[in-house]
C-alpha atoms as a PDB file:
ATOM      1  CA  MET A   1       2.608 -22.066  -4.862  1.00  0.00           C
ATOM      2  CA  SER A   2       4.010 -25.167  -3.270  1.00  0.00           C
ATOM      3  CA  SER A   3       5.448 -23.381  -0.253  1.00  0.00           C
ATOM      4  CA  GLN A   4       4.866 -20.117   1.548  1.00  0.00           C
ATOM      5  CA  PRO A   5       7.697 -17.596   1.072  1.00  0.00           C
ATOM      6  CA  PHE A   6       7.816 -16.661   4.761  1.00  0.00           C
ATOM      7  CA  ASP A   7      11.076 -14.722   4.540  1.00  0.00           C
ATOM      8  CA  ASP A   8       9.873 -12.593   1.625  1.00  0.00           C
ATOM      9  CA  ILE A   9       6.655 -11.789   3.455  1.00  0.00           C
ATOM     10  CA  ALA A  10       8.430 -10.863   6.683  1.00  0.00           C
ATOM     11  CA  GLN A  11      10.923  -8.691   4.808  1.00  0.00           C
ATOM     12  CA  LEU A  12       8.119  -6.977   2.856  1.00  0.00           C
ATOM     13  CA  THR A  13       9.632  -7.939  -0.485  1.00  0.00           C
ATOM     14  CA  LEU A  14       6.583  -9.935  -1.582  1.00  0.00           C
ATOM     15  CA  SER A  15       3.421  -8.086  -2.544  1.00  0.00           C
ATOM     16  CA  ASN A  16       0.371  -8.385  -4.800  1.00  0.00           C
ATOM     17  CA  VAL A  17       0.543 -12.151  -5.235  1.00  0.00           C
ATOM     18  CA  PRO A  18      -2.213 -14.543  -4.100  1.00  0.00           C
ATOM     19  CA  SER A  19      -1.880 -16.601  -0.964  1.00  0.00           C
ATOM     20  CA  GLU A  20      -2.390 -20.362  -0.943  1.00  0.00           C
ATOM     21  CA  HIS A  21      -6.133 -20.676  -0.362  1.00  0.00           C
ATOM     22  CA  MET A  22      -9.502 -19.337  -1.440  1.00  0.00           C
ATOM     23  CA  SER A  23     -12.987 -19.586  -0.010  1.00  0.00           C
ATOM     24  CA  ILE A  24     -15.890 -20.356  -2.339  1.00  0.00           C
ATOM     25  CA  ALA A  25     -19.675 -20.747  -2.175  1.00  0.00           C
ATOM     26  CA  GLN A  26     -22.302 -21.260  -4.885  1.00  0.00           C
ATOM     27  CA  HIS A  27     -25.763 -19.669  -5.037  1.00  0.00           C
ATOM     28  CA  SER A  28     -28.435 -21.678  -6.823  1.00  0.00           C
ATOM     29  CA  ASP A  29     -32.115 -22.520  -6.312  1.00  0.00           C
ATOM     30  CA  GLY A  30     -32.503 -19.301  -4.332  1.00  0.00           C
ATOM     31  CA  ARG A  31     -29.979 -20.063  -1.588  1.00  0.00           C
ATOM     32  CA  TRP A  32     -26.295 -19.792  -0.742  1.00  0.00           C
ATOM     33  CA  GLU A  33     -24.352 -22.957  -0.025  1.00  0.00           C
ATOM     34  CA  ASP A  34     -21.824 -22.962   2.812  1.00  0.00           C
ATOM     35  CA  CYS A  35     -18.361 -21.584   2.118  1.00  0.00           C
ATOM     36  CA  VAL A  36     -15.667 -24.171   1.374  1.00  0.00           C
ATOM     37  CA  LEU A  37     -11.939 -23.488   1.733  1.00  0.00           C
ATOM     38  CA  LYS A  38      -9.867 -24.773  -1.197  1.00  0.00           C
ATOM     39  CA  PRO A  39      -6.333 -24.382  -2.534  1.00  0.00           C
ATOM     40  CA  TYR A  40      -5.968 -21.286  -4.694  1.00  0.00           C
ATOM     41  CA  ALA A  41      -6.540 -22.421  -8.282  1.00  0.00           C
ATOM     42  CA  PRO A  42      -8.306 -21.441 -11.508  1.00  0.00           C
ATOM     43  CA  ILE A  43     -12.087 -21.690 -11.438  1.00  0.00           C
ATOM     44  CA  GLU A  44     -14.329 -23.081 -14.137  1.00  0.00           C
ATOM     45  CA  MET A  45     -16.503 -20.471 -15.845  1.00  0.00           C
ATOM     46  CA  GLN A  46     -18.671 -21.112 -18.878  1.00  0.00           C
ATOM     47  CA  PRO A  47     -18.077 -18.753 -21.828  1.00  0.00           C
ATOM     48  CA  LEU A  48     -21.715 -17.654 -21.637  1.00  0.00           C
ATOM     49  CA  ALA A  49     -21.675 -16.960 -17.889  1.00  0.00           C
ATOM     50  CA  LEU A  50     -23.815 -13.854 -17.527  1.00  0.00           C
ATOM     51  CA  GLY A  51     -21.317 -11.990 -15.350  1.00  0.00           C
ATOM     52  CA  LEU A  52     -18.734 -12.078 -18.130  1.00  0.00           C
ATOM     53  CA  HIS A  53     -21.084 -10.272 -20.517  1.00  0.00           C
ATOM     54  CA  TYR A  54     -23.429  -8.103 -18.467  1.00  0.00           C
ATOM     55  CA  ALA A  55     -21.177  -7.051 -15.562  1.00  0.00           C
ATOM     56  CA  GLN A  56     -23.072  -8.532 -12.632  1.00  0.00           C
ATOM     57  CA  ILE A  57     -19.875  -8.449 -10.573  1.00  0.00           C
ATOM     58  CA  VAL A  58     -19.544  -6.889  -7.102  1.00  0.00           C
ATOM     59  CA  PHE A  59     -16.499  -6.913  -4.851  1.00  0.00           C
ATOM     60  CA  GLU A  60     -15.012  -5.532  -1.645  1.00  0.00           C
ATOM     61  CA  GLY A  61     -11.490  -4.528  -0.669  1.00  0.00           C
ATOM     62  CA  MET A  62     -10.488  -5.310   2.921  1.00  0.00           C
ATOM     63  CA  LYS A  63      -7.356  -5.883   4.953  1.00  0.00           C
ATOM     64  CA  ALA A  64      -6.030  -8.021   7.790  1.00  0.00           C
ATOM     65  CA  TYR A  65      -3.215  -6.721   9.994  1.00  0.00           C
ATOM     66  CA  ARG A  66      -0.530  -8.368  12.111  1.00  0.00           C
ATOM     67  CA  TYR A  67      -0.292  -7.085  15.684  1.00  0.00           C
ATOM     68  CA  ASP A  68       3.021  -6.644  17.453  1.00  0.00           C
ATOM     69  CA  ASN A  69       2.234  -9.730  19.568  1.00  0.00           C
ATOM     70  CA  GLY A  70       1.704 -11.874  16.459  1.00  0.00           C
ATOM     71  CA  ASP A  71      -2.100 -11.870  16.472  1.00  0.00           C
ATOM     72  CA  VAL A  72      -3.857 -11.274  13.158  1.00  0.00           C
ATOM     73  CA  ALA A  73      -7.048  -9.197  12.924  1.00  0.00           C
ATOM     74  CA  VAL A  74      -9.414  -8.175  10.116  1.00  0.00           C
ATOM     75  CA  PHE A  75     -10.598  -4.568   9.908  1.00  0.00           C
ATOM     76  CA  ARG A  76     -14.340  -3.754   9.976  1.00  0.00           C
ATOM     77  CA  ILE A  77     -15.968  -6.928   8.642  1.00  0.00           C
ATOM     78  CA  GLU A  78     -19.485  -5.740   9.474  1.00  0.00           C
ATOM     79  CA  LYS A  79     -19.103  -2.377   7.730  1.00  0.00           C
ATOM     80  CA  HIS A  80     -17.708  -4.020   4.602  1.00  0.00           C
ATOM     81  CA  HIS A  81     -20.529  -6.565   4.655  1.00  0.00           C
ATOM     82  CA  GLU A  82     -23.092  -3.770   4.890  1.00  0.00           C
ATOM     83  CA  ARG A  83     -21.651  -2.042   1.825  1.00  0.00           C
ATOM     84  CA  PHE A  84     -21.265  -5.354  -0.020  1.00  0.00           C
ATOM     85  CA  ASN A  85     -24.983  -6.058   0.316  1.00  0.00           C
ATOM     86  CA  LYS A  86     -25.925  -2.537  -0.796  1.00  0.00           C
ATOM     87  CA  SER A  87     -23.837  -3.055  -3.913  1.00  0.00           C
ATOM     88  CA  LEU A  88     -25.360  -6.485  -4.534  1.00  0.00           C
ATOM     89  CA  ALA A  89     -28.889  -5.117  -4.195  1.00  0.00           C
ATOM     90  CA  ARG A  90     -28.178  -2.335  -6.715  1.00  0.00           C
ATOM     91  CA  MET A  91     -26.875  -4.914  -9.207  1.00  0.00           C
ATOM     92  CA  CYS A  92     -29.916  -7.226  -8.800  1.00  0.00           C
ATOM     93  CA  MET A  93     -27.774  -9.847  -7.080  1.00  0.00           C
ATOM     94  CA  PRO A  94     -28.718 -11.888  -3.987  1.00  0.00           C
ATOM     95  CA  GLU A  95     -27.476 -10.460  -0.712  1.00  0.00           C
ATOM     96  CA  ILE A  96     -25.129 -12.691   1.222  1.00  0.00           C
ATOM     97  CA  PRO A  97     -25.663 -13.445   4.928  1.00  0.00           C
ATOM     98  CA  LEU A  98     -23.161 -11.972   7.356  1.00  0.00           C
ATOM     99  CA  SER A  99     -22.337 -15.501   8.533  1.00  0.00           C
ATOM    100  CA  HIS A 100     -21.250 -16.528   5.017  1.00  0.00           C
ATOM    101  CA  PHE A 101     -19.307 -13.318   4.470  1.00  0.00           C
ATOM    102  CA  ARG A 102     -17.557 -13.631   7.815  1.00  0.00           C
ATOM    103  CA  ASP A 103     -16.858 -17.367   7.447  1.00  0.00           C
ATOM    104  CA  GLY A 104     -15.312 -16.941   4.018  1.00  0.00           C
ATOM    105  CA  ILE A 105     -12.977 -14.203   5.265  1.00  0.00           C
ATOM    106  CA  VAL A 106     -12.081 -15.790   8.596  1.00  0.00           C
ATOM    107  CA  ASP A 107     -11.428 -19.219   7.051  1.00  0.00           C
ATOM    108  CA  LEU A 108      -9.076 -17.713   4.461  1.00  0.00           C
ATOM    109  CA  VAL A 109      -7.155 -15.552   6.937  1.00  0.00           C
ATOM    110  CA  ARG A 110      -6.886 -18.373   9.468  1.00  0.00           C
ATOM    111  CA  ALA A 111      -5.507 -20.750   6.835  1.00  0.00           C
ATOM    112  CA  ASP A 112      -3.080 -18.197   5.394  1.00  0.00           C
ATOM    113  CA  ARG A 113      -2.227 -16.183   8.499  1.00  0.00           C
ATOM    114  CA  SER A 114       1.493 -16.681   7.859  1.00  0.00           C
ATOM    115  CA  TRP A 115       1.031 -14.632   4.689  1.00  0.00           C
ATOM    116  CA  VAL A 116       0.020 -11.545   6.725  1.00  0.00           C
ATOM    117  CA  PRO A 117       3.078  -9.250   6.747  1.00  0.00           C
ATOM    118  CA  PRO A 118       4.094  -7.121   9.719  1.00  0.00           C
ATOM    119  CA  GLY A 119       3.523  -3.381   9.800  1.00  0.00           C
ATOM    120  CA  PRO A 120       3.889  -0.544   9.525  1.00  0.00           C
ATOM    121  CA  ASP A 121       1.559   0.040   6.558  1.00  0.00           C
ATOM    122  CA  SER A 122       1.843  -3.438   5.003  1.00  0.00           C
ATOM    123  CA  ALA A 123      -1.131  -5.753   5.389  1.00  0.00           C
ATOM    124  CA  PHE A 124      -2.969  -8.745   3.905  1.00  0.00           C
ATOM    125  CA  TYR A 125      -5.410  -7.588   1.243  1.00  0.00           C
ATOM    126  CA  ILE A 126      -8.729  -9.476   1.138  1.00  0.00           C
ATOM    127  CA  ARG A 127     -10.958  -9.543  -1.943  1.00  0.00           C
ATOM    128  CA  PRO A 128     -14.487 -10.931  -1.469  1.00  0.00           C
ATOM    129  CA  PHE A 129     -16.501 -10.907  -4.685  1.00  0.00           C
ATOM    130  CA  VAL A 130     -19.656 -12.249  -6.301  1.00  0.00           C
ATOM    131  CA  ILE A 131     -20.000 -12.954 -10.021  1.00  0.00           C
ATOM    132  CA  ALA A 132     -23.043 -14.147 -11.953  1.00  0.00           C
ATOM    133  CA  ASN A 133     -22.229 -17.574 -13.381  1.00  0.00           C
ATOM    134  CA  GLU A 134     -25.503 -18.735 -14.913  1.00  0.00           C
ATOM    135  CA  GLU A 135     -24.861 -19.969 -18.461  1.00  0.00           C
ATOM    136  CA  ARG A 136     -27.270 -18.233 -20.807  1.00  0.00           C
ATOM    137  CA  MET A 137     -27.333 -16.451 -24.141  1.00  0.00           C
ATOM    138  CA  GLY A 138     -29.145 -13.133 -23.824  1.00  0.00           C
ATOM    139  CA  ILE A 139     -29.401 -10.538 -21.098  1.00  0.00           C
ATOM    140  CA  LYS A 140     -31.250 -11.363 -17.891  1.00  0.00           C
ATOM    141  CA  VAL A 141     -30.773 -11.212 -14.149  1.00  0.00           C
ATOM    142  CA  SER A 142     -28.788 -14.298 -13.278  1.00  0.00           C
ATOM    143  CA  ASP A 143     -30.182 -17.020 -11.028  1.00  0.00           C
ATOM    144  CA  ASP A 144     -26.763 -18.493 -10.211  1.00  0.00           C
ATOM    145  CA  TYR A 145     -23.787 -16.797  -8.551  1.00  0.00           C
ATOM    146  CA  LEU A 146     -20.352 -17.565  -7.186  1.00  0.00           C
ATOM    147  CA  PHE A 147     -19.068 -15.988  -3.965  1.00  0.00           C
ATOM    148  CA  MET A 148     -15.325 -16.127  -3.434  1.00  0.00           C
ATOM    149  CA  VAL A 149     -12.710 -14.701  -1.078  1.00  0.00           C
ATOM    150  CA  VAL A 150      -9.059 -14.482  -2.086  1.00  0.00           C
ATOM    151  CA  GLY A 151      -6.167 -12.478  -0.702  1.00  0.00           C
ATOM    152  CA  GLY A 152      -2.466 -11.816  -0.527  1.00  0.00           C
ATOM    153  CA  PRO A 153       0.230  -9.618   1.052  1.00  0.00           C
ATOM    154  CA  PHE A 154      -0.031  -5.947   0.153  1.00  0.00           C
ATOM    155  CA  ARG A 155       2.213  -2.932   0.520  1.00  0.00           C
ATOM    156  CA  PRO A 156       1.189   0.758   0.372  1.00  0.00           C
ATOM    157  CA  LEU A 157      -0.150   1.785  -3.017  1.00  0.00           C
ATOM    158  CA  TYR A 158       1.448   5.232  -3.156  1.00  0.00           C
ATOM    159  CA  ALA A 159       4.993   5.898  -1.921  1.00  0.00           C
ATOM    160  CA  ARG A 160       5.044   9.685  -2.387  1.00  0.00           C
ATOM    161  CA  PRO A 161       2.615  12.623  -2.443  1.00  0.00           C
ATOM    162  CA  LEU A 162       0.306  12.426  -5.430  1.00  0.00           C
ATOM    163  CA  ARG A 163      -0.010  14.773  -8.372  1.00  0.00           C
ATOM    164  CA  VAL A 164      -3.661  14.808  -9.464  1.00  0.00           C
ATOM    165  CA  ARG A 165      -5.731  16.483 -12.162  1.00  0.00           C
ATOM    166  CA  MET A 166      -9.281  17.734 -11.860  1.00  0.00           C
ATOM    167  CA  GLU A 167     -11.257  15.717 -14.413  1.00  0.00           C
ATOM    168  CA  ARG A 168     -13.457  18.047 -16.489  1.00  0.00           C
ATOM    169  CA  VAL A 169     -14.294  15.819 -19.487  1.00  0.00           C
ATOM    170  CA  PHE A 170     -14.917  12.223 -18.449  1.00  0.00           C
ATOM    171  CA  ALA A 171     -17.281  11.054 -15.713  1.00  0.00           C
ATOM    172  CA  ARG A 172     -16.998   8.174 -13.271  1.00  0.00           C
ATOM    173  CA  ALA A 173     -20.667   8.026 -12.294  1.00  0.00           C
ATOM    174  CA  VAL A 174     -24.010   9.697 -12.969  1.00  0.00           C
ATOM    175  CA  ALA A 175     -26.898  10.492 -10.635  1.00  0.00           C
ATOM    176  CA  GLY A 176     -29.235   7.523 -10.447  1.00  0.00           C
ATOM    177  CA  GLY A 177     -26.512   5.157 -11.613  1.00  0.00           C
ATOM    178  CA  THR A 178     -24.213   2.733  -9.818  1.00  0.00           C
ATOM    179  CA  GLY A 179     -21.582   5.159  -8.500  1.00  0.00           C
ATOM    180  CA  PHE A 180     -22.217   4.240  -4.855  1.00  0.00           C
ATOM    181  CA  ALA A 181     -21.891   0.508  -5.599  1.00  0.00           C
ATOM    182  CA  LYS A 182     -18.527  -1.255  -5.608  1.00  0.00           C
ATOM    183  CA  CYS A 183     -19.141  -2.973  -8.925  1.00  0.00           C
ATOM    184  CA  ALA A 184     -16.753  -3.839 -11.714  1.00  0.00           C
ATOM    185  CA  GLY A 185     -18.250  -1.514 -14.330  1.00  0.00           C
ATOM    186  CA  ASN A 186     -17.426   1.603 -12.332  1.00  0.00           C
ATOM    187  CA  TYR A 187     -13.739   0.757 -12.390  1.00  0.00           C
ATOM    188  CA  ALA A 188     -13.716  -0.116 -16.084  1.00  0.00           C
ATOM    189  CA  ALA A 189     -15.212   3.294 -16.898  1.00  0.00           C
ATOM    190  CA  ALA A 190     -12.429   5.011 -14.944  1.00  0.00           C
ATOM    191  CA  MET A 191      -9.539   3.359 -16.765  1.00  0.00           C
ATOM    192  CA  LEU A 192      -9.247   5.514 -19.902  1.00  0.00           C
ATOM    193  CA  PRO A 193      -9.353   8.952 -18.199  1.00  0.00           C
ATOM    194  CA  THR A 194      -6.913   7.708 -15.549  1.00  0.00           C
ATOM    195  CA  GLN A 195      -4.570   6.381 -18.222  1.00  0.00           C
ATOM    196  CA  LEU A 196      -4.721   9.672 -20.121  1.00  0.00           C
ATOM    197  CA  ALA A 197      -3.921  11.598 -16.933  1.00  0.00           C
ATOM    198  CA  GLN A 198      -0.991   9.298 -16.198  1.00  0.00           C
ATOM    199  CA  GLN A 199       0.352   9.853 -19.707  1.00  0.00           C
ATOM    200  CA  ASP A 200       0.411  13.569 -18.845  1.00  0.00           C
ATOM    201  CA  GLY A 201       2.408  12.928 -15.671  1.00  0.00           C
ATOM    202  CA  PHE A 202      -0.388  12.708 -13.111  1.00  0.00           C
ATOM    203  CA  ASP A 203      -0.943   9.871 -10.645  1.00  0.00           C
ATOM    204  CA  GLN A 204      -4.721  10.101 -10.498  1.00  0.00           C
ATOM    205  CA  VAL A 205      -7.686  12.311 -11.282  1.00  0.00           C
ATOM    206  CA  ILE A 206     -10.220  14.013  -9.055  1.00  0.00           C
ATOM    207  CA  TRP A 207     -13.639  13.131 -10.388  1.00  0.00           C
ATOM    208  CA  THR A 208     -16.307  15.784 -10.806  1.00  0.00           C
ATOM    209  CA  ASP A 209     -20.062  15.516 -11.381  1.00  0.00           C
ATOM    210  CA  ALA A 210     -21.101  14.124 -14.756  1.00  0.00           C
ATOM    211  CA  LYS A 211     -23.523  16.897 -15.677  1.00  0.00           C
ATOM    212  CA  GLU A 212     -21.491  20.106 -15.314  1.00  0.00           C
ATOM    213  CA  HIS A 213     -18.089  18.989 -14.002  1.00  0.00           C
ATOM    214  CA  ARG A 214     -18.233  21.659 -11.325  1.00  0.00           C
ATOM    215  CA  VAL A 215     -18.622  19.625  -8.117  1.00  0.00           C
ATOM    216  CA  VAL A 216     -15.810  17.561  -6.546  1.00  0.00           C
ATOM    217  CA  GLU A 217     -16.668  13.883  -5.945  1.00  0.00           C
ATOM    218  CA  GLU A 218     -13.775  11.410  -5.480  1.00  0.00           C
ATOM    219  CA  SER A 219     -10.069  11.071  -6.193  1.00  0.00           C
ATOM    220  CA  GLY A 220      -9.221   8.108  -8.392  1.00  0.00           C
ATOM    221  CA  THR A 221      -9.851   4.973  -6.348  1.00  0.00           C
ATOM    222  CA  MET A 222     -10.229   6.923  -3.097  1.00  0.00           C
ATOM    223  CA  ASN A 223     -12.528   9.297  -1.289  1.00  0.00           C
ATOM    224  CA  VAL A 224     -10.971  12.749  -1.081  1.00  0.00           C
ATOM    225  CA  MET A 225     -10.551  15.113   1.876  1.00  0.00           C
ATOM    226  CA  PHE A 226      -9.208  18.625   2.310  1.00  0.00           C
ATOM    227  CA  VAL A 227      -8.255  20.813   5.229  1.00  0.00           C
ATOM    228  CA  ILE A 228      -9.843  24.209   4.543  1.00  0.00           C
ATOM    229  CA  ASP A 229      -9.564  27.010   7.104  1.00  0.00           C
ATOM    230  CA  GLY A 230      -8.545  24.377   9.648  1.00  0.00           C
ATOM    231  CA  VAL A 231     -11.626  22.197   9.011  1.00  0.00           C
ATOM    232  CA  ILE A 232     -11.526  18.662   7.540  1.00  0.00           C
ATOM    233  CA  VAL A 233     -13.837  18.934   4.537  1.00  0.00           C
ATOM    234  CA  THR A 234     -15.029  16.035   2.382  1.00  0.00           C
ATOM    235  CA  PRO A 235     -17.827  15.713  -0.182  1.00  0.00           C
ATOM    236  CA  ALA A 236     -21.115  14.617   1.340  1.00  0.00           C
ATOM    237  CA  LEU A 237     -22.188  11.147   0.259  1.00  0.00           C
ATOM    238  CA  THR A 238     -24.497  10.913  -2.742  1.00  0.00           C
ATOM    239  CA  ASP A 239     -25.432   8.087  -5.094  1.00  0.00           C
ATOM    240  CA  THR A 240     -22.389   8.968  -7.216  1.00  0.00           C
ATOM    241  CA  ILE A 241     -19.843   8.619  -4.387  1.00  0.00           C
ATOM    242  CA  LEU A 242     -18.654   5.381  -2.805  1.00  0.00           C
ATOM    243  CA  ASP A 243     -19.368   5.126   0.922  1.00  0.00           C
ATOM    244  CA  GLY A 244     -15.756   4.391   1.803  1.00  0.00           C
ATOM    245  CA  VAL A 245     -15.016   2.332   4.905  1.00  0.00           C
ATOM    246  CA  THR A 246     -11.712   4.164   5.382  1.00  0.00           C
ATOM    247  CA  ARG A 247     -13.565   7.456   4.890  1.00  0.00           C
ATOM    248  CA  ASP A 248     -16.014   6.544   7.636  1.00  0.00           C
ATOM    249  CA  SER A 249     -13.185   5.379   9.911  1.00  0.00           C
ATOM    250  CA  VAL A 250     -11.115   8.547   9.422  1.00  0.00           C
ATOM    251  CA  LEU A 251     -14.121  10.783  10.118  1.00  0.00           C
ATOM    252  CA  THR A 252     -14.937   8.762  13.240  1.00  0.00           C
ATOM    253  CA  ILE A 253     -11.369   9.173  14.519  1.00  0.00           C
ATOM    254  CA  ALA A 254     -11.462  12.899  13.742  1.00  0.00           C
ATOM    255  CA  ARG A 255     -14.611  13.236  15.837  1.00  0.00           C
ATOM    256  CA  ASP A 256     -13.002  11.240  18.643  1.00  0.00           C
ATOM    257  CA  LEU A 257     -10.090  13.696  18.580  1.00  0.00           C
ATOM    258  CA  GLY A 258     -12.414  16.694  18.603  1.00  0.00           C
ATOM    259  CA  LEU A 259     -11.302  17.881  15.159  1.00  0.00           C
ATOM    260  CA  PRO A 260     -13.759  20.006  13.154  1.00  0.00           C
ATOM    261  CA  ILE A 261     -15.419  18.214  10.207  1.00  0.00           C
ATOM    262  CA  SER A 262     -17.651  19.345   7.381  1.00  0.00           C
ATOM    263  CA  GLU A 263     -19.335  16.915   4.989  1.00  0.00           C
ATOM    264  CA  ARG A 264     -20.661  19.139   2.221  1.00  0.00           C
ATOM    265  CA  MET A 265     -20.643  19.934  -1.466  1.00  0.00           C
ATOM    266  CA  ILE A 266     -17.293  21.287  -2.677  1.00  0.00           C
ATOM    267  CA  THR A 267     -17.260  23.084  -6.008  1.00  0.00           C
ATOM    268  CA  VAL A 268     -14.177  23.182  -8.193  1.00  0.00           C
ATOM    269  CA  ASP A 269     -14.293  26.983  -8.207  1.00  0.00           C
ATOM    270  CA  ASP A 270     -14.409  27.154  -4.406  1.00  0.00           C
ATOM    271  CA  LEU A 271     -11.508  24.726  -4.145  1.00  0.00           C
ATOM    272  CA  ALA A 272      -9.437  26.706  -6.646  1.00  0.00           C
ATOM    273  CA  GLU A 273     -10.151  29.954  -4.807  1.00  0.00           C
ATOM    274  CA  GLY A 274      -9.157  28.359  -1.520  1.00  0.00           C
ATOM    275  CA  LEU A 275      -5.915  27.050  -3.017  1.00  0.00           C
ATOM    276  CA  ARG A 276      -5.053  30.461  -4.427  1.00  0.00           C
ATOM    277  CA  ALA A 277      -5.738  32.151  -1.094  1.00  0.00           C
ATOM    278  CA  GLY A 278      -3.846  29.559   0.957  1.00  0.00           C
ATOM    279  CA  ARG A 279      -6.998  28.541   2.849  1.00  0.00           C
ATOM    280  CA  VAL A 280      -6.657  24.954   1.568  1.00  0.00           C
ATOM    281  CA  THR A 281      -3.653  23.611   3.447  1.00  0.00           C
ATOM    282  CA  GLU A 282      -3.993  19.855   2.930  1.00  0.00           C
ATOM    283  CA  ALA A 283      -5.489  17.412   0.421  1.00  0.00           C
ATOM    284  CA  PHE A 284      -5.467  13.648   0.754  1.00  0.00           C
ATOM    285  CA  GLY A 285      -7.169  10.506  -0.441  1.00  0.00           C
ATOM    286  CA  VAL A 286      -8.526   7.800   1.851  1.00  0.00           C
ATOM    287  CA  GLY A 287      -9.276   4.220   0.859  1.00  0.00           C
ATOM    288  CA  THR A 288      -8.527   0.589   1.658  1.00  0.00           C
ATOM    289  CA  ALA A 289      -5.737   0.226  -0.894  1.00  0.00           C
ATOM    290  CA  ALA A 290      -4.319   3.729  -0.455  1.00  0.00           C
ATOM    291  CA  ALA A 291      -4.941   4.093   3.303  1.00  0.00           C
ATOM    292  CA  VAL A 292      -4.254   7.831   3.746  1.00  0.00           C
ATOM    293  CA  ALA A 293      -2.459   9.180   0.663  1.00  0.00           C
ATOM    294  CA  PRO A 294      -1.165  12.792   0.649  1.00  0.00           C
ATOM    295  CA  ILE A 295      -1.885  14.910  -2.424  1.00  0.00           C
ATOM    296  CA  GLY A 296       0.982  17.298  -3.138  1.00  0.00           C
ATOM    297  CA  ARG A 297      -0.151  18.927  -6.379  1.00  0.00           C
ATOM    298  CA  ILE A 298      -3.596  19.626  -7.859  1.00  0.00           C
ATOM    299  CA  ALA A 299      -4.083  20.752 -11.464  1.00  0.00           C
ATOM    300  CA  ILE A 300      -7.328  22.617 -12.158  1.00  0.00           C
ATOM    301  CA  ASP A 301      -7.757  23.559 -15.815  1.00  0.00           C
ATOM    302  CA  THR A 302      -4.671  25.660 -16.667  1.00  0.00           C
ATOM    303  CA  GLU A 303      -3.490  26.182 -13.076  1.00  0.00           C
ATOM    304  CA  GLU A 304      -1.486  23.824 -10.909  1.00  0.00           C
ATOM    305  CA  PHE A 305      -1.307  24.269  -7.153  1.00  0.00           C
ATOM    306  CA  ALA A 306       1.380  22.896  -4.848  1.00  0.00           C
ATOM    307  CA  LEU A 307       0.570  21.834  -1.302  1.00  0.00           C
ATOM    308  CA  PRO A 308       3.396  21.308   1.199  1.00  0.00           C
ATOM    309  CA  VAL A 309       3.198  17.891   2.859  1.00  0.00           C
ATOM    310  CA  LEU A 310       4.475  18.140   6.436  1.00  0.00           C
ATOM    311  CA  PRO A 311       4.847  15.489   9.176  1.00  0.00           C
ATOM    312  CA  THR A 312       2.665  17.660  11.427  1.00  0.00           C
ATOM    313  CA  ASP A 313      -0.263  17.655   8.987  1.00  0.00           C
ATOM    314  CA  THR A 314      -3.698  16.619  10.214  1.00  0.00           C
ATOM    315  CA  MET A 315      -3.787  13.753   7.714  1.00  0.00           C
ATOM    316  CA  PHE A 316      -0.844  12.062   9.403  1.00  0.00           C
ATOM    317  CA  THR A 317      -2.424  12.465  12.827  1.00  0.00           C
ATOM    318  CA  LEU A 318      -5.483  10.672  11.484  1.00  0.00           C
ATOM    319  CA  LYS A 319      -3.392   8.014   9.738  1.00  0.00           C
ATOM    320  CA  ASN A 320      -1.319   7.328  12.850  1.00  0.00           C
ATOM    321  CA  HIS A 321      -4.404   6.910  15.027  1.00  0.00           C
ATOM    322  CA  LEU A 322      -6.024   4.634  12.437  1.00  0.00           C
ATOM    323  CA  ASN A 323      -2.899   2.499  12.129  1.00  0.00           C
ATOM    324  CA  ALA A 324      -2.562   2.249  15.896  1.00  0.00           C
ATOM    325  CA  ILE A 325      -6.001   0.630  16.006  1.00  0.00           C
ATOM    326  CA  ARG A 326      -5.347  -1.595  12.996  1.00  0.00           C
ATOM    327  CA  TYR A 327      -2.059  -2.923  14.395  1.00  0.00           C
ATOM    328  CA  GLY A 328      -3.344  -3.431  17.940  1.00  0.00           C
ATOM    329  CA  GLN A 329      -1.316  -0.569  19.411  1.00  0.00           C
ATOM    330  CA  ALA A 330      -4.354   1.402  20.647  1.00  0.00           C
ATOM    331  CA  PRO A 331      -7.664   0.395  22.238  1.00  0.00           C
ATOM    332  CA  ASP A 332     -10.276  -0.755  19.727  1.00  0.00           C
ATOM    333  CA  VAL A 333     -13.031   1.364  21.280  1.00  0.00           C
ATOM    334  CA  HIS A 334     -15.363   0.999  18.284  1.00  0.00           C
ATOM    335  CA  GLY A 335     -15.008  -2.787  17.943  1.00  0.00           C
ATOM    336  CA  TRP A 336     -13.566  -2.593  14.461  1.00  0.00           C
ATOM    337  CA  MET A 337     -11.070  -5.448  14.670  1.00  0.00           C
ATOM    338  CA  THR A 338     -11.888  -9.166  14.437  1.00  0.00           C
ATOM    339  CA  VAL A 339      -8.961 -11.139  15.861  1.00  0.00           C
ATOM    340  CA  ILE A 340      -8.505 -14.450  14.057  1.00  0.00           C
END
């Protein structure tokens, strides 16, 4: 773009388009070069780049927020970097130093800070990623990689309570696999079952374990939480569940507020019984793109359960406290925000 559409950004009418710059660094000869800020543009990639064929691609999803006083701050850089490196290690890719990760993000946000929309809810989405770009015919662990950071204004992903279906046929991840890593292949595997659910009128699926489809894992592109008998319940982390940064943040806020939490295995049968008995009073997804997304209907096999979504729900208390930190309206007691 030749000029920044400031009015569209401020009026929240522009979303999901790239901003003007990107940060880029090359890995070769066993080391990462420094990040360089460039105008947003196509990149050169050889047809035989290994990442295009063998899925050595890892990414993060992050956000920057505009405070009421005009400052811009990025949410939880260190936590995202920690997960990024765990994903890279699982995919046999070189870990990236925190300094490189931070520089790439900060340089982009500083250059394109006018693209960060005001709240509430809207933000500047940041996508750091690494792709294997060694040119080679035949499968191998790449020696060369490209690290990039791009971004753009972003509005809430879901505008109304979600209708979801318990997935009992397809699997997102298997034990011992890459389910905990934020890698491209996991998302490709989720596309067909999600599309089939959407064709049947659902917004997303709730994933279950790959072996027996009896244990609840995630909801679409989000971690999932329930309020059961007044307790915030979420599946305990395993190697098939993404260690969500929003998940961790919401649980931390719940503890700060003295709310009861249980991280444990949730079976589909137990969830269905709780829905029938009225012991499950809330369901919601949490993630960077979705933030806190209410779930209003859950289909389990031949039954469909409705959950009232009320302004007084626990999920909105958690969302409001999280947003207050993100938009600089509450003290950042955990040091989550990096002001640019």
